[in-house]
Amino acid sequence: MSDAEEALASALDKAGLGYLREYRFQPKRKWRADFCLRESVLVEVEGQGRHQTFVGFRNDAEKYNEAARLIDLMVYAGLVT
């Protein structure tokens, strides 16, 4: 897990909010979200690396569109640690 994901997990723990990590929201594609709260809110922590290439961005957009279709709320977090 990235430092940003660890920081978010720590904040959620301190707030007393339950969550699942690496939640598989689309089993056919094996797509996962970094966090899931109450099975209707997905949180994706944006990092660096493949996410900053055209292909990585396009693949992320496809994943996010599918998440938006299946669940109630998708949150994208860019955290500074």
Protein backbone atom coordinates (compact mmCIF):
# COMPACT_ATOMS: atom_id res chain seq x y z
CA MET A 1 0.00 0.00 0.00
CA SER A 2 1.12 3.53 -0.68
CA ASP A 3 1.87 6.11 1.98
CA ALA A 4 -1.27 7.99 0.93
CA GLU A 5 -3.41 4.87 1.39
CA GLU A 6 -1.88 4.26 4.81
CA ALA A 7 -2.59 7.89 5.78
CA LEU A 8 -6.22 7.52 4.72
CA ALA A 9 -6.58 4.23 6.60
CA SER A 10 -5.18 5.89 9.72
CA ALA A 11 -7.62 8.80 9.40
CA LEU A 12 -10.57 6.43 8.91
CA ASP A 13 -9.46 4.42 11.96
CA LYS A 14 -9.21 7.57 14.09
CA ALA A 15 -12.68 8.63 12.95
CA GLY A 16 -14.08 5.21 13.83
CA LEU A 17 -15.26 4.54 10.28
CA GLY A 18 -15.29 0.93 9.19
CA TYR A 19 -13.91 0.05 5.79
CA LEU A 20 -12.64 -2.73 3.60
CA ARG A 21 -9.39 -2.45 1.68
CA GLU A 22 -8.86 -3.63 -1.89
CA TYR A 23 -12.61 -4.14 -2.31
CA ARG A 24 -13.46 -6.10 -5.45
CA PHE A 25 -16.46 -4.29 -6.92
CA GLN A 26 -16.45 -5.93 -10.35
CA PRO A 27 -15.56 -9.63 -10.17
CA LYS A 28 -15.60 -10.27 -13.92
CA ARG A 29 -12.81 -7.74 -14.47
CA LYS A 30 -11.25 -8.28 -11.04
CA TRP A 31 -11.31 -4.52 -10.51
CA ARG A 32 -10.81 -3.30 -6.98
CA ALA A 33 -11.17 -0.01 -5.18
CA ASP A 34 -8.63 1.00 -2.56
CA PHE A 35 -11.34 1.37 0.11
CA CYS A 36 -15.01 0.57 0.48
CA LEU A 37 -17.21 2.13 3.14
CA ARG A 38 -20.64 0.59 3.76
CA GLU A 39 -20.51 -1.28 0.42
CA SER A 40 -21.89 1.76 -1.38
CA VAL A 41 -19.00 4.23 -1.20
CA LEU A 42 -15.75 3.45 -2.97
CA VAL A 43 -12.58 5.47 -2.42
CA GLU A 44 -9.73 5.39 -4.90
CA VAL A 45 -6.45 7.00 -3.84
CA GLU A 46 -4.72 8.40 -6.88
CA GLY A 47 -1.04 7.70 -7.01
CA GLN A 48 1.72 8.03 -9.51
CA GLY A 49 3.26 5.61 -11.94
CA ARG A 50 1.00 3.95 -14.48
CA HIS A 51 -1.87 6.31 -13.63
CA GLN A 52 0.00 9.17 -15.28
CA THR A 53 0.41 7.59 -18.71
CA PHE A 54 -2.23 7.86 -21.42
CA VAL A 55 -2.96 4.13 -21.34
CA GLY A 56 -3.05 4.10 -17.52
CA PHE A 57 -5.39 7.08 -17.45
CA ARG A 58 -7.66 5.49 -20.09
CA ASN A 59 -7.78 2.20 -18.16
CA ASP A 60 -8.54 4.03 -14.91
CA ALA A 61 -11.35 5.96 -16.64
CA GLU A 62 -12.89 2.68 -17.81
CA LYS A 63 -12.68 1.29 -14.27
CA TYR A 64 -14.17 4.44 -12.74
CA ASN A 65 -17.05 4.50 -15.23
CA GLU A 66 -17.92 0.92 -14.33
CA ALA A 67 -17.72 1.73 -10.62
CA ALA A 68 -20.06 4.70 -11.10
CA ARG A 69 -22.54 2.40 -12.83
CA LEU A 70 -22.50 -0.20 -10.05
CA ILE A 71 -22.30 1.73 -6.78
CA ASP A 72 -23.77 4.83 -5.14
CA LEU A 73 -20.68 7.02 -4.76
CA MET A 74 -17.08 6.99 -5.95
CA VAL A 75 -14.56 9.28 -4.27
CA TYR A 76 -11.14 10.04 -5.72
CA ALA A 77 -8.53 11.15 -3.23
CA GLY A 78 -5.17 12.67 -3.93
CA LEU A 79 -3.51 12.74 -0.53
CA VAL A 80 -0.35 14.53 0.48
CA THR A 81 1.58 12.74 3.19
